[in-house]
PDB file of N, CA and C in Angstrom:
ATOM      1  N   UNK A   1     101.977  97.478 106.538  1.00  0.00           N
ATOM      2  CA  UNK A   1     101.351  98.177 105.437  1.00  0.00           C
ATOM      3  C   UNK A   1     100.426  99.234 106.027  1.00  0.00           C
ATOM      4  N   UNK A   2     100.429 100.393 105.440  1.00  0.00           N
ATOM      5  CA  UNK A   2      99.595 101.474 105.949  1.00  0.00           C
ATOM      6  C   UNK A   2      98.119 101.112 105.885  1.00  0.00           C
ATOM      7  N   UNK A   3      97.368 101.636 106.841  1.00  0.00           N
ATOM      8  CA  UNK A   3      95.936 101.351 106.908  1.00  0.00           C
ATOM      9  C   UNK A   3      95.174 101.821 105.681  1.00  0.00           C
ATOM     10  N   UNK A   4      95.596 102.937 105.055  1.00  0.00           N
ATOM     11  CA  UNK A   4      94.852 103.436 103.901  1.00  0.00           C
ATOM     12  C   UNK A   4      94.826 102.412 102.778  1.00  0.00           C
ATOM     13  N   UNK A   5      95.840 101.582 102.684  1.00  0.00           N
ATOM     14  CA  UNK A   5      95.847 100.542 101.654  1.00  0.00           C
ATOM     15  C   UNK A   5      94.804  99.488 101.992  1.00  0.00           C
ATOM     16  N   UNK A   6      94.847  98.994 103.196  1.00  0.00           N
ATOM     17  CA  UNK A   6      93.919  97.934 103.604  1.00  0.00           C
ATOM     18  C   UNK A   6      92.473  98.392 103.571  1.00  0.00           C
ATOM     19  N   UNK A   7      92.224  99.638 103.903  1.00  0.00           N
ATOM     20  CA  UNK A   7      90.856 100.154 103.930  1.00  0.00           C
ATOM     21  C   UNK A   7      90.254 100.292 102.540  1.00  0.00           C
ATOM     22  N   UNK A   8      91.072 100.367 101.515  1.00  0.00           N
ATOM     23  CA  UNK A   8      90.579 100.592 100.158  1.00  0.00           C
ATOM     24  C   UNK A   8      90.567  99.339  99.290  1.00  0.00           C
ATOM     25  N   UNK A   9      90.825  98.193  99.871  1.00  0.00           N
ATOM     26  CA  UNK A   9      90.797  96.950  99.110  1.00  0.00           C
ATOM     27  C   UNK A   9      89.363  96.476  98.951  1.00  0.00           C
ATOM     28  N   UNK A  10      89.070  95.879  97.794  1.00  0.00           N
ATOM     29  CA  UNK A  10      87.724  95.357  97.583  1.00  0.00           C
ATOM     30  C   UNK A  10      87.686  93.834  97.617  1.00  0.00           C
ATOM     31  N   UNK A  11      88.844  93.200  97.702  1.00  0.00           N
ATOM     32  CA  UNK A  11      88.876  91.754  97.864  1.00  0.00           C
ATOM     33  C   UNK A  11      89.469  90.971  96.716  1.00  0.00           C
ATOM     34  N   UNK A  12      89.703  91.609  95.585  1.00  0.00           N
ATOM     35  CA  UNK A  12      90.255  90.886  94.437  1.00  0.00           C
ATOM     36  C   UNK A  12      91.695  91.282  94.123  1.00  0.00           C
ATOM     37  N   UNK A  13      92.273  92.117  94.956  1.00  0.00           N
ATOM     38  CA  UNK A  13      93.626  92.606  94.715  1.00  0.00           C
ATOM     39  C   UNK A  13      94.678  91.583  95.124  1.00  0.00           C
ATOM     40  N   UNK A  14      95.827  91.709  94.505  1.00  0.00           N
ATOM     41  CA  UNK A  14      96.999  90.926  94.882  1.00  0.00           C
ATOM     42  C   UNK A  14      98.086  91.922  95.238  1.00  0.00           C
ATOM     43  N   UNK A  15      98.584  91.832  96.453  1.00  0.00           N
ATOM     44  CA  UNK A  15      99.597  92.768  96.912  1.00  0.00           C
ATOM     45  C   UNK A  15     100.852  92.002  97.284  1.00  0.00           C
ATOM     46  N   UNK A  16     101.975  92.485  96.806  1.00  0.00           N
ATOM     47  CA  UNK A  16     103.269  91.907  97.150  1.00  0.00           C
ATOM     48  C   UNK A  16     104.042  92.962  97.913  1.00  0.00           C
ATOM     49  N   UNK A  17     104.355  92.675  99.159  1.00  0.00           N
ATOM     50  CA  UNK A  17     105.102  93.590 100.008  1.00  0.00           C
ATOM     51  C   UNK A  17     106.576  93.223  99.942  1.00  0.00           C
ATOM     52  N   UNK A  18     107.415  94.190  99.619  1.00  0.00           N
ATOM     53  CA  UNK A  18     108.851  93.962  99.504  1.00  0.00           C
ATOM     54  C   UNK A  18     109.541  94.816 100.556  1.00  0.00           C
ATOM     55  N   UNK A  19     110.351  94.192 101.390  1.00  0.00           N
ATOM     56  CA  UNK A  19     110.989  94.911 102.496  1.00  0.00           C
ATOM     57  C   UNK A  19     111.815  96.103 102.036  1.00  0.00           C
ATOM     58  N   UNK A  20     112.495  95.987 100.906  1.00  0.00           N
ATOM     59  CA  UNK A  20     113.332  97.092 100.436  1.00  0.00           C
ATOM     60  C   UNK A  20     112.506  98.236  99.864  1.00  0.00           C
ATOM     61  N   UNK A  21     111.276  97.937  99.472  1.00  0.00           N
ATOM     62  CA  UNK A  21     110.442  98.952  98.843  1.00  0.00           C
ATOM     63  C   UNK A  21     110.668  99.070  97.348  1.00  0.00           C
ATOM     64  N   UNK A  22     111.589  98.273  96.822  1.00  0.00           N
ATOM     65  CA  UNK A  22     111.906  98.323  95.397  1.00  0.00           C
ATOM     66  C   UNK A  22     111.544  97.001  94.741  1.00  0.00           C
ATOM     67  N   UNK A  23     111.067  97.075  93.515  1.00  0.00           N
ATOM     68  CA  UNK A  23     110.756  95.857  92.774  1.00  0.00           C
ATOM     69  C   UNK A  23     112.068  95.154  92.411  1.00  0.00           C
ATOM     70  N   UNK A  24     112.007  93.845  92.286  1.00  0.00           N
ATOM     71  CA  UNK A  24     113.181  93.082  91.869  1.00  0.00           C
ATOM     72  C   UNK A  24     112.778  92.158  90.724  1.00  0.00           C
ATOM     73  N   UNK A  25     113.744  91.470  90.145  1.00  0.00           N
ATOM     74  CA  UNK A  25     113.468  90.624  88.980  1.00  0.00           C
ATOM     75  C   UNK A  25     112.441  89.542  89.278  1.00  0.00           C
ATOM     76  N   UNK A  26     112.513  88.931  90.448  1.00  0.00           N
ATOM     77  CA  UNK A  26     111.587  87.868  90.817  1.00  0.00           C
ATOM     78  C   UNK A  26     110.150  88.386  90.871  1.00  0.00           C
ATOM     79  N   UNK A  27     109.949  89.500  91.525  1.00  0.00           N
ATOM     80  CA  UNK A  27     108.609  90.083  91.638  1.00  0.00           C
ATOM     81  C   UNK A  27     108.110  90.539  90.268  1.00  0.00           C
ATOM     82  N   UNK A  28     108.983  91.114  89.474  1.00  0.00           N
ATOM     83  CA  UNK A  28     108.591  91.570  88.141  1.00  0.00           C
ATOM     84  C   UNK A  28     108.132  90.406  87.272  1.00  0.00           C
ATOM     85  N   UNK A  29     108.823  89.284  87.345  1.00  0.00           N
ATOM     86  CA  UNK A  29     108.429  88.120  86.551  1.00  0.00           C
ATOM     87  C   UNK A  29     107.094  87.557  87.023  1.00  0.00           C
ATOM     88  N   UNK A  30     106.865  87.555  88.333  1.00  0.00           N
ATOM     89  CA  UNK A  30     105.570  87.098  88.854  1.00  0.00           C
ATOM     90  C   UNK A  30     104.452  88.022  88.385  1.00  0.00           C
ATOM     91  N   UNK A  31     104.732  89.334  88.372  1.00  0.00           N
ATOM     92  CA  UNK A  31     103.741  90.295  87.893  1.00  0.00           C
ATOM     93  C   UNK A  31     103.435  90.056  86.418  1.00  0.00           C
ATOM     94  N   UNK A  32     104.468  89.833  85.632  1.00  0.00           N
ATOM     95  CA  UNK A  32     104.269  89.606  84.207  1.00  0.00           C
ATOM     96  C   UNK A  32     103.451  88.339  83.966  1.00  0.00           C
ATOM     97  N   UNK A  33     103.730  87.277  84.699  1.00  0.00           N
ATOM     98  CA  UNK A  33     102.932  86.046  84.596  1.00  0.00           C
ATOM     99  C   UNK A  33     101.472  86.319  84.938  1.00  0.00           C
ATOM    100  N   UNK A  34     101.240  87.092  86.002  1.00  0.00           N
ATOM    101  CA  UNK A  34      99.885  87.452  86.424  1.00  0.00           C
ATOM    102  C   UNK A  34      99.193  88.274  85.336  1.00  0.00           C
ATOM    103  N   UNK A  35      99.901  89.251  84.800  1.00  0.00           N
ATOM    104  CA  UNK A  35      99.343  90.112  83.761  1.00  0.00           C
ATOM    105  C   UNK A  35      98.948  89.302  82.527  1.00  0.00           C
ATOM    106  N   UNK A  36      99.802  88.405  82.104  1.00  0.00           N
ATOM    107  CA  UNK A  36      99.505  87.573  80.934  1.00  0.00           C
ATOM    108  C   UNK A  36      98.282  86.703  81.197  1.00  0.00           C
ATOM    109  N   UNK A  37      98.228  86.085  82.366  1.00  0.00           N
ATOM    110  CA  UNK A  37      97.106  85.203  82.697  1.00  0.00           C
ATOM    111  C   UNK A  37      95.783  85.957  82.737  1.00  0.00           C
ATOM    112  N   UNK A  38      95.739  87.065  83.461  1.00  0.00           N
ATOM    113  CA  UNK A  38      94.469  87.741  83.687  1.00  0.00           C
ATOM    114  C   UNK A  38      94.081  88.719  82.586  1.00  0.00           C
ATOM    115  N   UNK A  39      94.985  89.013  81.670  1.00  0.00           N
ATOM    116  CA  UNK A  39      94.607  89.804  80.496  1.00  0.00           C
ATOM    117  C   UNK A  39      94.198  88.867  79.361  1.00  0.00           C
ATOM    118  N   UNK A  40      94.279  87.570  79.659  1.00  0.00           N
ATOM    119  CA  UNK A  40      93.926  86.515  78.698  1.00  0.00           C
ATOM    120  C   UNK A  40      94.739  86.636  77.406  1.00  0.00           C
ATOM    121  N   UNK A  41      95.993  86.992  77.569  1.00  0.00           N
ATOM    122  CA  UNK A  41      96.884  87.118  76.411  1.00  0.00           C
ATOM    123  C   UNK A  41      97.216  85.733  75.859  1.00  0.00           C
ATOM    124  N   UNK A  42      97.063  85.594  74.563  1.00  0.00           N
ATOM    125  CA  UNK A  42      97.371  84.344  73.866  1.00  0.00           C
ATOM    126  C   UNK A  42      97.774  84.680  72.445  1.00  0.00           C
ATOM    127  N   UNK A  43      98.519  83.787  71.804  1.00  0.00           N
ATOM    128  CA  UNK A  43      98.948  84.062  70.424  1.00  0.00           C
ATOM    129  C   UNK A  43      97.783  84.272  69.458  1.00  0.00           C
ATOM    130  N   UNK A  44      96.626  83.645  69.726  1.00  0.00           N
ATOM    131  CA  UNK A  44      95.490  83.754  68.810  1.00  0.00           C
ATOM    132  C   UNK A  44      94.517  84.874  69.192  1.00  0.00           C
ATOM    133  N   UNK A  45      94.879  85.706  70.155  1.00  0.00           N
ATOM    134  CA  UNK A  45      94.038  86.826  70.603  1.00  0.00           C
ATOM    135  C   UNK A  45      94.644  88.142  70.115  1.00  0.00           C
ATOM    136  N   UNK A  46      93.851  89.220  70.126  1.00  0.00           N
ATOM    137  CA  UNK A  46      94.426  90.525  69.752  1.00  0.00           C
ATOM    138  C   UNK A  46      95.616  90.869  70.639  1.00  0.00           C
ATOM    139  N   UNK A  47      96.588  91.541  70.051  1.00  0.00           N
ATOM    140  CA  UNK A  47      97.799  91.912  70.782  1.00  0.00           C
ATOM    141  C   UNK A  47      97.489  92.924  71.867  1.00  0.00           C
ATOM    142  N   UNK A  48      98.328  92.921  72.879  1.00  0.00           N
ATOM    143  CA  UNK A  48      98.282  93.915  73.943  1.00  0.00           C
ATOM    144  C   UNK A  48      99.656  94.558  74.013  1.00  0.00           C
ATOM    145  N   UNK A  49      99.709  95.773  74.513  1.00  0.00           N
ATOM    146  CA  UNK A  49     100.991  96.456  74.610  1.00  0.00           C
ATOM    147  C   UNK A  49     101.247  96.841  76.066  1.00  0.00           C
ATOM    148  N   UNK A  50     102.449  96.602  76.517  1.00  0.00           N
ATOM    149  CA  UNK A  50     102.881  96.972  77.861  1.00  0.00           C
ATOM    150  C   UNK A  50     103.942  98.048  77.695  1.00  0.00           C
ATOM    151  N   UNK A  51     103.624  99.256  78.124  1.00  0.00           N
ATOM    152  CA  UNK A  51     104.549 100.373  77.982  1.00  0.00           C
ATOM    153  C   UNK A  51     105.477 100.431  79.183  1.00  0.00           C
ATOM    154  N   UNK A  52     106.760 100.568  78.925  1.00  0.00           N
ATOM    155  CA  UNK A  52     107.772 100.594  79.977  1.00  0.00           C
ATOM    156  C   UNK A  52     108.658 101.817  79.815  1.00  0.00           C
ATOM    157  N   UNK A  53     109.198 102.278  80.928  1.00  0.00           N
ATOM    158  CA  UNK A  53     110.174 103.362  80.844  1.00  0.00           C
ATOM    159  C   UNK A  53     111.579 102.759  80.762  1.00  0.00           C
ATOM    160  N   UNK A  54     112.604 103.522  80.985  1.00  0.00           N
ATOM    161  CA  UNK A  54     113.969 103.040  80.814  1.00  0.00           C
ATOM    162  C   UNK A  54     114.580 102.413  82.047  1.00  0.00           C
ATOM    163  N   UNK A  55     113.762 102.037  83.023  1.00  0.00           N
ATOM    164  CA  UNK A  55     114.273 101.442  84.250  1.00  0.00           C
ATOM    165  C   UNK A  55     115.058 100.169  83.930  1.00  0.00           C
ATOM    166  N   UNK A  56     116.159  99.940  84.657  1.00  0.00           N
ATOM    167  CA  UNK A  56     117.060  98.815  84.352  1.00  0.00           C
ATOM    168  C   UNK A  56     116.371  97.458  84.374  1.00  0.00           C
ATOM    169  N   UNK A  57     115.353  97.269  85.200  1.00  0.00           N
ATOM    170  CA  UNK A  57     114.639  95.995  85.247  1.00  0.00           C
ATOM    171  C   UNK A  57     113.983  95.691  83.903  1.00  0.00           C
ATOM    172  N   UNK A  58     113.576  96.719  83.189  1.00  0.00           N
ATOM    173  CA  UNK A  58     112.860  96.519  81.942  1.00  0.00           C
ATOM    174  C   UNK A  58     113.744  95.988  80.825  1.00  0.00           C
ATOM    175  N   UNK A  59     115.040  95.919  81.070  1.00  0.00           N
ATOM    176  CA  UNK A  59     115.937  95.301  80.093  1.00  0.00           C
ATOM    177  C   UNK A  59     116.443  93.951  80.600  1.00  0.00           C
ATOM    178  N   UNK A  60     115.859  93.454  81.670  1.00  0.00           N
ATOM    179  CA  UNK A  60     116.151  92.124  82.196  1.00  0.00           C
ATOM    180  C   UNK A  60     115.762  91.119  81.124  1.00  0.00           C
ATOM    181  N   UNK A  61     116.693  90.286  80.704  1.00  0.00           N
ATOM    182  CA  UNK A  61     116.499  89.415  79.543  1.00  0.00           C
ATOM    183  C   UNK A  61     115.221  88.576  79.627  1.00  0.00           C
ATOM    184  N   UNK A  62     114.937  87.992  80.768  1.00  0.00           N
ATOM    185  CA  UNK A  62     113.746  87.147  80.900  1.00  0.00           C
ATOM    186  C   UNK A  62     112.455  87.952  80.840  1.00  0.00           C
ATOM    187  N   UNK A  63     112.513  89.221  81.206  1.00  0.00           N
ATOM    188  CA  UNK A  63     111.328  90.071  81.199  1.00  0.00           C
ATOM    189  C   UNK A  63     111.005  90.454  79.775  1.00  0.00           C
TER     190      UNK A  63
END
């Protein structure tokens, strides 16, 4: 990982390094789980919106 990334971390970040450089379904699902947990999303809370473009991963059924 380039030094500029490591030098700018403050200690609370989560970084996933992927050898191909491209996101995959597994990483996307882990990100979504993380986003739901740390945005405190729940059925009884105000809704949140996640905006996506037309990338093929965004039509992955589980996502």
